[in-house]
Amino acid sequence: MTERFDDFKQPPWVQSPSEVMDWIDATHPSKKTKGKKHKSSGEKILRNLHVRFDLNVEQKKIPPSNVFSKLITNITGNGLVEEGFDLVPTTELVLRGLAKAKFKILSKIVLDEKTVFQHSDDHSDLRKTIDDFSLFTHDTKIRKSVEVTAILKEGMHSIVVVKIMKIHKKKDHAVDLQIKGGIKEELYHTFKNYLTEKLGLKGLDIKQK
């Protein structure tokens, strides 16, 4: 007695010609078919995220430098503030968070709007750069901001730009992150949870284009 399996596709010589393609797809799935199967696997992709947040530290107002600045600040209520964190160790933790989210390539570091590191190839190891980060900042006294650009190739090609600001306008956030492309929702939460644990996030503002 021959055992039958309902999901087994019969070969074309026992089926009508119209069912031949079904048998071919079932036994030798094409790349297109495989792609559809992967797409339906349930992994949610977050695309073109713009995330801004502050850190759980004390914030200090910076007095206006002149009468005109004081007038503008009084009108807008948007004067300068200084965050109570150190830029270098904070940036190192952000880089470690990106590494945990599978961003493996670091392409650019900007300190106070001056580029100190830039790689156009795919061989700049993010984890190694974290260990050497102090070398890039050794001769530079960073006052205002650090900006890093990293690349994700975990199933897709995406670029993230993170700007960490110690001094900024009161109505702006201390950290501004933009992802050009997509990231798996699971990896984004890995990054966010790591920073929440290590730095303490507040005032989280998320937009998706």
N, C-alpha and C. Protein backbone atom coordinates (compact mmCIF):
# COMPACT_ATOMS: atom_id res chain seq x y z
N MET A 1 0.85 -1.20 0.00
CA MET A 1 0.00 0.00 0.00
C MET A 1 0.87 1.24 0.00
N THR A 2 0.56 2.16 -0.91
CA THR A 2 1.37 3.37 -1.04
C THR A 2 0.81 4.47 -0.15
N GLU A 3 1.67 5.04 0.67
CA GLU A 3 1.25 6.12 1.56
C GLU A 3 1.21 7.44 0.79
N ARG A 4 0.14 8.25 0.99
CA ARG A 4 -0.02 9.53 0.30
C ARG A 4 0.29 10.68 1.24
N PHE A 5 0.91 11.72 0.72
CA PHE A 5 1.16 12.95 1.46
C PHE A 5 0.45 14.07 0.72
N ASP A 6 -0.42 14.78 1.44
CA ASP A 6 -1.24 15.81 0.80
C ASP A 6 -0.41 16.95 0.23
N ASP A 7 0.76 17.24 0.85
CA ASP A 7 1.55 18.38 0.38
C ASP A 7 2.60 17.98 -0.65
N PHE A 8 2.60 16.70 -1.06
CA PHE A 8 3.57 16.24 -2.05
C PHE A 8 3.07 16.58 -3.44
N LYS A 9 3.89 17.24 -4.24
CA LYS A 9 3.55 17.61 -5.60
C LYS A 9 3.87 16.46 -6.55
N GLN A 10 2.84 15.98 -7.28
CA GLN A 10 3.05 14.90 -8.23
C GLN A 10 3.88 15.40 -9.41
N PRO A 11 4.74 14.55 -9.99
CA PRO A 11 5.51 14.96 -11.17
C PRO A 11 4.60 15.21 -12.35
N PRO A 12 5.06 15.95 -13.36
CA PRO A 12 4.19 16.40 -14.44
C PRO A 12 3.61 15.29 -15.30
N TRP A 13 4.25 14.11 -15.32
CA TRP A 13 3.71 13.07 -16.20
C TRP A 13 2.44 12.43 -15.65
N VAL A 14 2.04 12.75 -14.40
CA VAL A 14 0.78 12.24 -13.87
C VAL A 14 -0.20 13.39 -13.66
N GLN A 15 0.16 14.59 -14.14
CA GLN A 15 -0.71 15.74 -14.00
C GLN A 15 -0.97 16.36 -15.36
N SER A 16 -1.91 17.29 -15.39
CA SER A 16 -2.21 18.00 -16.63
C SER A 16 -1.09 18.99 -16.92
N PRO A 17 -0.89 19.39 -18.17
CA PRO A 17 0.19 20.34 -18.52
C PRO A 17 0.13 21.65 -17.75
N SER A 18 -1.07 22.06 -17.36
CA SER A 18 -1.19 23.35 -16.66
C SER A 18 -0.59 23.32 -15.26
N GLU A 19 -0.30 22.09 -14.74
CA GLU A 19 0.23 21.99 -13.38
C GLU A 19 1.74 21.76 -13.36
N VAL A 20 2.36 21.76 -14.54
CA VAL A 20 3.80 21.49 -14.61
C VAL A 20 4.60 22.55 -13.84
N MET A 21 4.23 23.84 -14.01
CA MET A 21 4.98 24.91 -13.35
C MET A 21 4.86 24.82 -11.83
N ASP A 22 3.71 24.38 -11.32
CA ASP A 22 3.55 24.20 -9.87
C ASP A 22 4.53 23.16 -9.35
N TRP A 23 4.69 22.08 -10.13
CA TRP A 23 5.61 21.02 -9.71
C TRP A 23 7.06 21.52 -9.72
N ILE A 24 7.43 22.30 -10.76
CA ILE A 24 8.79 22.84 -10.85
C ILE A 24 9.07 23.77 -9.68
N ASP A 25 8.12 24.66 -9.36
CA ASP A 25 8.32 25.60 -8.26
C ASP A 25 8.43 24.89 -6.93
N ALA A 26 7.66 23.78 -6.78
CA ALA A 26 7.68 23.07 -5.50
C ALA A 26 8.97 22.30 -5.29
N THR A 27 9.55 21.76 -6.38
CA THR A 27 10.76 20.94 -6.24
C THR A 27 12.04 21.72 -6.43
N HIS A 28 11.99 22.81 -7.22
CA HIS A 28 13.18 23.64 -7.47
C HIS A 28 12.77 25.11 -7.43
N PRO A 29 12.52 25.64 -6.24
CA PRO A 29 12.05 27.03 -6.14
C PRO A 29 13.06 28.01 -6.69
N SER A 30 12.57 28.97 -7.45
CA SER A 30 13.42 30.01 -8.02
C SER A 30 13.77 31.04 -6.96
N LYS A 31 14.71 31.93 -7.28
CA LYS A 31 15.08 33.00 -6.35
C LYS A 31 13.89 33.88 -6.04
N LYS A 32 13.05 34.11 -7.04
CA LYS A 32 11.87 34.94 -6.85
C LYS A 32 10.94 34.32 -5.82
N THR A 33 10.76 32.97 -5.96
CA THR A 33 9.90 32.26 -5.01
C THR A 33 10.48 32.30 -3.61
N LYS A 34 11.81 32.09 -3.51
CA LYS A 34 12.46 32.13 -2.21
C LYS A 34 12.31 33.49 -1.56
N GLY A 35 12.40 34.55 -2.36
CA GLY A 35 12.26 35.90 -1.83
C GLY A 35 10.90 36.13 -1.23
N LYS A 36 9.88 35.62 -1.89
CA LYS A 36 8.52 35.78 -1.38
C LYS A 36 8.36 35.05 -0.06
N LYS A 37 8.98 33.85 0.02
CA LYS A 37 8.89 33.08 1.26
C LYS A 37 9.56 33.83 2.40
N HIS A 38 10.73 34.45 2.12
CA HIS A 38 11.44 35.21 3.16
C HIS A 38 10.63 36.43 3.58
N LYS A 39 10.00 37.06 2.60
CA LYS A 39 9.22 38.26 2.90
C LYS A 39 8.05 37.95 3.81
N SER A 40 7.50 36.73 3.66
CA SER A 40 6.34 36.37 4.47
C SER A 40 6.73 35.71 5.78
N SER A 41 8.02 35.77 6.13
CA SER A 41 8.49 35.09 7.34
C SER A 41 8.09 35.82 8.61
N GLY A 42 7.56 37.02 8.48
CA GLY A 42 7.08 37.74 9.66
C GLY A 42 8.04 38.76 10.21
N GLU A 43 9.23 38.92 9.62
CA GLU A 43 10.19 39.91 10.10
C GLU A 43 9.77 41.30 9.64
N LYS A 44 9.53 42.17 10.59
CA LYS A 44 9.09 43.53 10.26
C LYS A 44 10.30 44.42 10.02
N ILE A 45 10.23 45.18 8.94
CA ILE A 45 11.31 46.10 8.58
C ILE A 45 10.86 47.53 8.84
N LEU A 46 11.65 48.28 9.61
CA LEU A 46 11.39 49.70 9.84
C LEU A 46 12.23 50.48 8.84
N ARG A 47 11.59 51.37 8.09
CA ARG A 47 12.28 52.07 7.01
C ARG A 47 12.39 53.57 7.29
N ASN A 48 13.58 54.10 6.97
CA ASN A 48 13.84 55.54 7.04
C ASN A 48 13.42 56.14 8.39
N LEU A 49 13.96 55.57 9.44
CA LEU A 49 13.65 56.05 10.79
C LEU A 49 14.38 57.35 11.10
N HIS A 50 13.70 58.23 11.80
CA HIS A 50 14.32 59.43 12.36
C HIS A 50 13.99 59.42 13.86
N VAL A 51 15.00 59.16 14.67
CA VAL A 51 14.81 59.00 16.11
C VAL A 51 15.59 60.08 16.85
N ARG A 52 14.92 60.77 17.77
CA ARG A 52 15.59 61.79 18.59
C ARG A 52 15.26 61.52 20.06
N PHE A 53 16.25 61.74 20.92
CA PHE A 53 16.01 61.53 22.34
C PHE A 53 17.05 62.27 23.17
N ASP A 54 16.77 62.37 24.46
CA ASP A 54 17.70 62.96 25.42
C ASP A 54 18.20 61.86 26.34
N LEU A 55 19.25 62.17 27.09
CA LEU A 55 19.79 61.22 28.06
C LEU A 55 19.42 61.67 29.46
N ASN A 56 19.40 60.72 30.36
CA ASN A 56 18.95 61.00 31.72
C ASN A 56 20.09 61.64 32.53
N VAL A 57 20.41 62.89 32.15
CA VAL A 57 21.46 63.64 32.83
C VAL A 57 20.95 65.06 33.10
N GLU A 58 21.70 65.77 33.92
CA GLU A 58 21.34 67.15 34.24
C GLU A 58 21.64 68.05 33.04
N GLN A 59 20.78 69.05 32.86
CA GLN A 59 20.94 70.00 31.75
C GLN A 59 21.10 71.40 32.30
N LYS A 60 22.10 72.12 31.78
CA LYS A 60 22.41 73.45 32.31
C LYS A 60 22.20 74.51 31.22
N LYS A 61 21.53 75.60 31.57
CA LYS A 61 21.34 76.69 30.62
C LYS A 61 22.64 77.46 30.43
N ILE A 62 22.90 77.86 29.18
CA ILE A 62 24.08 78.67 28.88
C ILE A 62 23.61 80.12 28.70
N PRO A 63 24.14 81.05 29.49
CA PRO A 63 23.71 82.45 29.39
C PRO A 63 24.01 83.02 28.00
N PRO A 64 23.12 83.86 27.45
CA PRO A 64 23.38 84.49 26.14
C PRO A 64 24.67 85.29 26.18
N SER A 65 25.40 85.29 25.06
CA SER A 65 26.71 85.94 25.01
C SER A 65 26.62 87.45 24.82
N ASN A 66 25.47 87.96 24.35
CA ASN A 66 25.32 89.40 24.17
C ASN A 66 23.86 89.81 24.31
N VAL A 67 23.61 91.09 24.24
CA VAL A 67 22.26 91.62 24.44
C VAL A 67 21.31 91.12 23.37
N PHE A 68 21.78 91.06 22.12
CA PHE A 68 20.92 90.61 21.03
C PHE A 68 20.51 89.15 21.23
N SER A 69 21.49 88.30 21.60
CA SER A 69 21.19 86.88 21.85
C SER A 69 20.20 86.73 23.01
N LYS A 70 20.37 87.56 24.02
CA LYS A 70 19.46 87.52 25.17
C LYS A 70 18.04 87.88 24.75
N LEU A 71 17.90 88.88 23.87
CA LEU A 71 16.59 89.28 23.37
C LEU A 71 15.94 88.15 22.58
N ILE A 72 16.70 87.52 21.69
CA ILE A 72 16.18 86.41 20.88
C ILE A 72 15.76 85.24 21.77
N THR A 73 16.59 84.95 22.78
CA THR A 73 16.28 83.84 23.69
C THR A 73 15.00 84.12 24.47
N ASN A 74 14.83 85.36 24.91
CA ASN A 74 13.62 85.73 25.65
C ASN A 74 12.37 85.61 24.78
N ILE A 75 12.52 85.92 23.49
CA ILE A 75 11.37 85.86 22.57
C ILE A 75 11.02 84.41 22.22
N THR A 76 12.04 83.63 21.88
CA THR A 76 11.80 82.27 21.40
C THR A 76 11.76 81.22 22.51
N GLY A 77 12.40 81.52 23.64
CA GLY A 77 12.51 80.52 24.71
C GLY A 77 13.35 79.33 24.30
N ASN A 78 14.24 79.56 23.33
CA ASN A 78 15.02 78.45 22.77
C ASN A 78 16.52 78.76 22.82
N GLY A 79 17.00 79.04 24.03
CA GLY A 79 18.41 79.33 24.20
C GLY A 79 19.26 78.08 24.21
N LEU A 80 20.55 78.26 24.40
CA LEU A 80 21.48 77.13 24.41
C LEU A 80 21.50 76.44 25.77
N VAL A 81 21.68 75.11 25.73
CA VAL A 81 21.83 74.33 26.97
C VAL A 81 23.04 73.42 26.82
N GLU A 82 23.59 73.01 27.95
CA GLU A 82 24.72 72.08 27.96
C GLU A 82 24.33 70.82 28.72
N GLU A 83 24.55 69.67 28.08
CA GLU A 83 24.21 68.39 28.69
C GLU A 83 25.30 67.94 29.65
N GLY A 84 24.88 67.26 30.71
CA GLY A 84 25.82 66.83 31.73
C GLY A 84 26.43 65.47 31.48
N PHE A 85 26.78 65.17 30.23
CA PHE A 85 27.48 63.91 29.93
C PHE A 85 28.78 64.23 29.20
N ASP A 86 29.70 63.26 29.24
CA ASP A 86 30.96 63.39 28.50
C ASP A 86 30.77 62.80 27.11
N LEU A 87 31.22 63.53 26.10
CA LEU A 87 30.97 63.12 24.72
C LEU A 87 31.67 61.81 24.34
N VAL A 88 32.93 61.65 24.74
CA VAL A 88 33.70 60.48 24.28
C VAL A 88 33.11 59.16 24.81
N PRO A 89 32.94 58.97 26.13
CA PRO A 89 32.37 57.70 26.59
C PRO A 89 30.94 57.49 26.12
N THR A 90 30.17 58.58 25.98
CA THR A 90 28.80 58.46 25.47
C THR A 90 28.80 57.98 24.03
N THR A 91 29.69 58.53 23.21
CA THR A 91 29.80 58.10 21.82
C THR A 91 30.23 56.64 21.72
N GLU A 92 31.15 56.23 22.58
CA GLU A 92 31.60 54.82 22.58
C GLU A 92 30.43 53.88 22.86
N LEU A 93 29.56 54.26 23.79
CA LEU A 93 28.39 53.42 24.09
C LEU A 93 27.41 53.39 22.92
N VAL A 94 27.23 54.52 22.25
CA VAL A 94 26.35 54.55 21.07
C VAL A 94 26.92 53.65 19.98
N LEU A 95 28.23 53.67 19.78
CA LEU A 95 28.88 52.80 18.80
C LEU A 95 28.70 51.32 19.16
N ARG A 96 28.81 51.01 20.44
CA ARG A 96 28.60 49.62 20.87
C ARG A 96 27.15 49.20 20.62
N GLY A 97 26.22 50.12 20.83
CA GLY A 97 24.82 49.83 20.54
C GLY A 97 24.61 49.55 19.06
N LEU A 98 25.26 50.33 18.21
CA LEU A 98 25.15 50.10 16.76
C LEU A 98 25.75 48.75 16.39
N ALA A 99 26.86 48.39 17.02
CA ALA A 99 27.48 47.09 16.74
C ALA A 99 26.55 45.94 17.12
N LYS A 100 25.85 46.09 18.22
CA LYS A 100 24.89 45.06 18.66
C LYS A 100 23.72 44.95 17.68
N ALA A 101 23.42 46.06 16.97
CA ALA A 101 22.34 46.06 15.98
C ALA A 101 22.85 45.68 14.59
N LYS A 102 24.06 45.08 14.52
CA LYS A 102 24.65 44.54 13.30
C LYS A 102 25.21 45.58 12.34
N PHE A 103 25.38 46.81 12.80
CA PHE A 103 26.11 47.78 11.98
C PHE A 103 27.59 47.45 12.13
N LYS A 104 28.22 47.01 11.06
CA LYS A 104 29.59 46.49 11.16
C LYS A 104 30.64 47.39 10.54
N ILE A 105 30.22 48.38 9.76
CA ILE A 105 31.18 49.22 9.05
C ILE A 105 31.02 50.67 9.50
N LEU A 106 32.09 51.28 9.95
CA LEU A 106 32.08 52.70 10.31
C LEU A 106 32.73 53.48 9.18
N SER A 107 32.01 54.46 8.64
CA SER A 107 32.54 55.16 7.47
C SER A 107 32.98 56.59 7.77
N LYS A 108 32.51 57.17 8.89
CA LYS A 108 32.86 58.58 9.12
C LYS A 108 32.71 58.96 10.58
N ILE A 109 33.64 59.79 11.06
CA ILE A 109 33.55 60.41 12.39
C ILE A 109 33.81 61.91 12.23
N VAL A 110 32.91 62.71 12.78
CA VAL A 110 33.04 64.17 12.72
C VAL A 110 33.01 64.72 14.14
N LEU A 111 34.04 65.46 14.52
CA LEU A 111 34.13 66.08 15.85
C LEU A 111 33.99 67.59 15.70
N ASP A 112 32.98 68.16 16.35
CA ASP A 112 32.75 69.61 16.24
C ASP A 112 32.80 70.07 14.79
N GLU A 113 32.09 69.30 13.92
CA GLU A 113 31.95 69.61 12.49
C GLU A 113 33.26 69.50 11.70
N LYS A 114 34.26 68.84 12.27
CA LYS A 114 35.52 68.59 11.58
C LYS A 114 35.69 67.08 11.40
N THR A 115 35.82 66.63 10.16
CA THR A 115 35.97 65.20 9.87
C THR A 115 37.36 64.72 10.29
N VAL A 116 37.40 63.72 11.17
CA VAL A 116 38.69 63.19 11.65
C VAL A 116 38.92 61.75 11.19
N PHE A 117 37.87 61.12 10.62
CA PHE A 117 37.99 59.74 10.16
C PHE A 117 36.99 59.53 9.03
N GLN A 118 37.47 58.96 7.92
CA GLN A 118 36.56 58.68 6.80
C GLN A 118 37.09 57.53 5.98
N HIS A 119 36.21 56.56 5.70
CA HIS A 119 36.55 55.41 4.87
C HIS A 119 35.46 55.22 3.84
N SER A 120 35.85 55.05 2.60
CA SER A 120 34.87 54.86 1.53
C SER A 120 34.68 53.39 1.18
N ASP A 121 35.49 52.49 1.78
CA ASP A 121 35.37 51.07 1.46
C ASP A 121 34.59 50.34 2.56
N ASP A 122 34.51 49.03 2.41
CA ASP A 122 33.72 48.21 3.34
C ASP A 122 34.61 47.45 4.32
N HIS A 123 35.81 47.95 4.58
CA HIS A 123 36.75 47.21 5.43
C HIS A 123 37.05 47.93 6.75
N SER A 124 36.25 48.92 7.08
CA SER A 124 36.45 49.64 8.34
C SER A 124 35.60 48.99 9.43
N ASP A 125 36.22 48.18 10.26
CA ASP A 125 35.52 47.40 11.27
C ASP A 125 35.05 48.30 12.42
N LEU A 126 33.73 48.35 12.61
CA LEU A 126 33.16 49.20 13.65
C LEU A 126 33.66 48.82 15.03
N ARG A 127 33.72 47.53 15.33
CA ARG A 127 34.15 47.09 16.66
C ARG A 127 35.61 47.48 16.94
N LYS A 128 36.46 47.39 15.93
CA LYS A 128 37.86 47.78 16.11
C LYS A 128 37.96 49.29 16.34
N THR A 129 37.12 50.06 15.63
CA THR A 129 37.14 51.51 15.79
C THR A 129 36.71 51.91 17.19
N ILE A 130 35.80 51.16 17.79
CA ILE A 130 35.37 51.45 19.16
C ILE A 130 36.58 51.37 20.10
N ASP A 131 37.38 50.31 19.92
CA ASP A 131 38.56 50.13 20.77
C ASP A 131 39.59 51.24 20.55
N ASP A 132 39.63 51.77 19.32
CA ASP A 132 40.62 52.80 18.99
C ASP A 132 40.04 54.21 19.04
N PHE A 133 38.80 54.35 19.51
CA PHE A 133 38.12 55.65 19.41
C PHE A 133 38.88 56.76 20.13
N SER A 134 39.49 56.43 21.25
CA SER A 134 40.23 57.45 22.00
C SER A 134 41.39 58.02 21.20
N LEU A 135 41.90 57.25 20.22
CA LEU A 135 43.00 57.74 19.39
C LEU A 135 42.55 58.90 18.51
N PHE A 136 41.27 58.85 18.08
CA PHE A 136 40.77 59.92 17.21
C PHE A 136 40.48 61.19 18.01
N THR A 137 40.28 61.05 19.30
CA THR A 137 39.90 62.20 20.13
C THR A 137 41.04 62.67 21.03
N HIS A 138 42.18 61.99 20.97
CA HIS A 138 43.29 62.27 21.89
C HIS A 138 43.79 63.71 21.80
N ASP A 139 43.94 64.20 20.58
CA ASP A 139 44.50 65.54 20.38
C ASP A 139 43.42 66.60 20.14
N THR A 140 42.16 66.22 20.35
CA THR A 140 41.06 67.15 20.07
C THR A 140 40.19 67.32 21.30
N LYS A 141 39.99 68.55 21.69
CA LYS A 141 39.07 68.83 22.78
C LYS A 141 37.69 69.08 22.20
N ILE A 142 36.82 68.09 22.37
CA ILE A 142 35.49 68.19 21.76
C ILE A 142 34.58 69.03 22.67
N ARG A 143 34.00 70.07 22.11
CA ARG A 143 33.17 70.96 22.91
C ARG A 143 31.68 70.72 22.69
N LYS A 144 31.29 70.55 21.42
CA LYS A 144 29.87 70.60 21.12
C LYS A 144 29.25 69.28 20.67
N SER A 145 29.89 68.58 19.73
CA SER A 145 29.18 67.45 19.13
C SER A 145 30.11 66.41 18.51
N VAL A 146 29.55 65.20 18.38
CA VAL A 146 30.20 64.11 17.65
C VAL A 146 29.16 63.54 16.69
N GLU A 147 29.58 63.29 15.46
CA GLU A 147 28.68 62.69 14.48
C GLU A 147 29.37 61.46 13.89
N VAL A 148 28.65 60.33 13.88
CA VAL A 148 29.21 59.11 13.31
C VAL A 148 28.27 58.57 12.24
N THR A 149 28.88 57.99 11.21
CA THR A 149 28.12 57.36 10.13
C THR A 149 28.54 55.90 10.03
N ALA A 150 27.56 55.00 10.06
CA ALA A 150 27.85 53.56 10.00
C ALA A 150 26.96 52.90 8.97
N ILE A 151 27.36 51.71 8.54
CA ILE A 151 26.66 51.00 7.47
C ILE A 151 26.20 49.63 7.96
N LEU A 152 24.95 49.31 7.61
CA LEU A 152 24.35 48.01 7.95
C LEU A 152 24.22 47.19 6.68
N LYS A 153 24.69 45.93 6.74
CA LYS A 153 24.54 45.03 5.59
C LYS A 153 23.90 43.71 6.02
N GLU A 154 23.12 43.78 7.08
CA GLU A 154 22.44 42.58 7.60
C GLU A 154 21.14 42.39 6.83
N GLY A 155 21.23 41.74 5.65
CA GLY A 155 20.06 41.49 4.83
C GLY A 155 19.68 42.65 3.93
N MET A 156 20.25 43.82 4.15
CA MET A 156 19.95 44.99 3.33
C MET A 156 21.09 45.99 3.51
N HIS A 157 21.08 47.00 2.66
CA HIS A 157 22.12 48.04 2.76
C HIS A 157 21.49 49.30 3.30
N SER A 158 21.90 49.71 4.51
CA SER A 158 21.35 50.90 5.14
C SER A 158 22.47 51.72 5.75
N ILE A 159 22.24 53.01 5.85
CA ILE A 159 23.21 53.93 6.43
C ILE A 159 22.57 54.65 7.61
N VAL A 160 23.29 54.70 8.73
CA VAL A 160 22.80 55.43 9.90
C VAL A 160 23.76 56.58 10.19
N VAL A 161 23.18 57.74 10.48
CA VAL A 161 23.94 58.92 10.89
C VAL A 161 23.45 59.30 12.29
N VAL A 162 24.37 59.29 13.26
CA VAL A 162 24.03 59.63 14.64
C VAL A 162 24.80 60.87 15.05
N LYS A 163 24.09 61.88 15.51
CA LYS A 163 24.73 63.08 16.01
C LYS A 163 24.44 63.22 17.49
N ILE A 164 25.51 63.33 18.29
CA ILE A 164 25.40 63.46 19.75
C ILE A 164 25.86 64.86 20.12
N MET A 165 24.98 65.64 20.72
CA MET A 165 25.26 67.06 20.98
C MET A 165 25.31 67.36 22.47
N LYS A 166 26.44 67.84 22.91
CA LYS A 166 26.59 68.26 24.30
C LYS A 166 26.02 69.66 24.50
N ILE A 167 26.19 70.51 23.49
CA ILE A 167 25.62 71.87 23.51
C ILE A 167 24.66 71.99 22.34
N HIS A 168 23.43 72.42 22.62
CA HIS A 168 22.43 72.52 21.57
C HIS A 168 21.31 73.45 22.00
N LYS A 169 20.42 73.75 21.07
CA LYS A 169 19.25 74.56 21.39
C LYS A 169 18.34 73.80 22.35
N LYS A 170 17.68 74.51 23.23
CA LYS A 170 16.87 73.89 24.27
C LYS A 170 15.78 72.99 23.68
N LYS A 171 15.19 73.40 22.57
CA LYS A 171 14.09 72.64 21.99
C LYS A 171 14.56 71.47 21.13
N ASP A 172 15.86 71.35 20.92
CA ASP A 172 16.41 70.19 20.20
C ASP A 172 16.71 69.07 21.18
N HIS A 173 16.98 67.89 20.64
CA HIS A 173 17.35 66.75 21.48
C HIS A 173 18.86 66.56 21.47
N ALA A 174 19.36 65.88 22.49
CA ALA A 174 20.80 65.65 22.60
C ALA A 174 21.31 64.66 21.56
N VAL A 175 20.47 63.71 21.18
CA VAL A 175 20.88 62.69 20.20
C VAL A 175 19.89 62.67 19.04
N ASP A 176 20.43 62.72 17.84
CA ASP A 176 19.62 62.70 16.62
C ASP A 176 20.12 61.57 15.73
N LEU A 177 19.25 60.61 15.43
CA LEU A 177 19.63 59.42 14.67
C LEU A 177 18.73 59.29 13.44
N GLN A 178 19.36 59.13 12.29
CA GLN A 178 18.60 58.93 11.05
C GLN A 178 19.12 57.71 10.32
N ILE A 179 18.20 56.82 9.95
CA ILE A 179 18.55 55.62 9.19
C ILE A 179 18.00 55.77 7.78
N LYS A 180 18.91 55.75 6.82
CA LYS A 180 18.52 55.83 5.41
C LYS A 180 18.48 54.41 4.86
N GLY A 181 17.29 53.88 4.73
CA GLY A 181 17.12 52.48 4.34
C GLY A 181 16.27 51.78 5.38
N GLY A 182 16.50 50.50 5.57
CA GLY A 182 15.69 49.74 6.51
C GLY A 182 16.51 49.04 7.57
N ILE A 183 15.83 48.69 8.65
CA ILE A 183 16.43 47.91 9.73
C ILE A 183 15.37 46.99 10.30
N LYS A 184 15.75 45.77 10.62
CA LYS A 184 14.79 44.86 11.24
C LYS A 184 14.34 45.44 12.57
N GLU A 185 13.05 45.33 12.84
CA GLU A 185 12.51 45.89 14.08
C GLU A 185 13.23 45.31 15.30
N GLU A 186 13.56 44.03 15.24
CA GLU A 186 14.25 43.37 16.36
C GLU A 186 15.61 44.02 16.62
N LEU A 187 16.34 44.36 15.55
CA LEU A 187 17.66 44.97 15.71
C LEU A 187 17.54 46.40 16.25
N TYR A 188 16.51 47.12 15.80
CA TYR A 188 16.31 48.48 16.33
C TYR A 188 16.06 48.43 17.83
N HIS A 189 15.24 47.49 18.28
CA HIS A 189 14.94 47.38 19.71
C HIS A 189 16.18 46.92 20.49
N THR A 190 17.03 46.11 19.87
CA THR A 190 18.28 45.72 20.52
C THR A 190 19.13 46.96 20.79
N PHE A 191 19.23 47.84 19.80
CA PHE A 191 19.98 49.09 19.93
C PHE A 191 19.36 49.99 21.00
N LYS A 192 18.06 50.18 20.93
CA LYS A 192 17.37 51.08 21.87
C LYS A 192 17.46 50.55 23.30
N ASN A 193 17.27 49.26 23.48
CA ASN A 193 17.31 48.68 24.82
C ASN A 193 18.71 48.77 25.44
N TYR A 194 19.73 48.61 24.61
CA TYR A 194 21.10 48.72 25.10
C TYR A 194 21.38 50.14 25.60
N LEU A 195 20.98 51.15 24.81
CA LEU A 195 21.21 52.53 25.23
C LEU A 195 20.36 52.90 26.44
N THR A 196 19.16 52.37 26.51
CA THR A 196 18.30 52.63 27.67
C THR A 196 18.96 52.09 28.94
N GLU A 197 19.55 50.90 28.83
CA GLU A 197 20.22 50.29 29.99
C GLU A 197 21.48 51.05 30.38
N LYS A 198 22.28 51.45 29.38
CA LYS A 198 23.60 52.05 29.66
C LYS A 198 23.54 53.56 29.91
N LEU A 199 22.61 54.25 29.24
CA LEU A 199 22.61 55.71 29.30
C LEU A 199 21.33 56.28 29.90
N GLY A 200 20.23 55.59 29.74
CA GLY A 200 18.95 56.12 30.21
C GLY A 200 18.38 57.10 29.20
N LEU A 201 17.37 56.69 28.44
CA LEU A 201 16.79 57.55 27.41
C LEU A 201 15.52 58.21 27.93
N LYS A 202 15.26 59.42 27.45
CA LYS A 202 14.01 60.10 27.78
C LYS A 202 13.62 61.00 26.61
N GLY A 203 12.34 61.36 26.57
CA GLY A 203 11.85 62.23 25.51
C GLY A 203 12.00 61.64 24.13
N LEU A 204 11.79 60.30 24.02
CA LEU A 204 11.98 59.61 22.75
C LEU A 204 10.97 60.09 21.70
N ASP A 205 11.47 60.52 20.55
CA ASP A 205 10.63 61.00 19.45
C ASP A 205 10.99 60.21 18.21
N ILE A 206 10.04 59.42 17.68
CA ILE A 206 10.30 58.53 16.55
C ILE A 206 9.39 58.90 15.39
N LYS A 207 10.00 59.07 14.22
CA LYS A 207 9.24 59.32 12.99
C LYS A 207 9.74 58.36 11.93
N GLN A 208 8.80 57.93 11.09
CA GLN A 208 9.14 57.01 10.02
C GLN A 208 8.62 57.58 8.71
N LYS A 209 9.53 57.79 7.76
CA LYS A 209 9.15 58.37 6.47
C LYS A 209 8.70 57.30 5.51
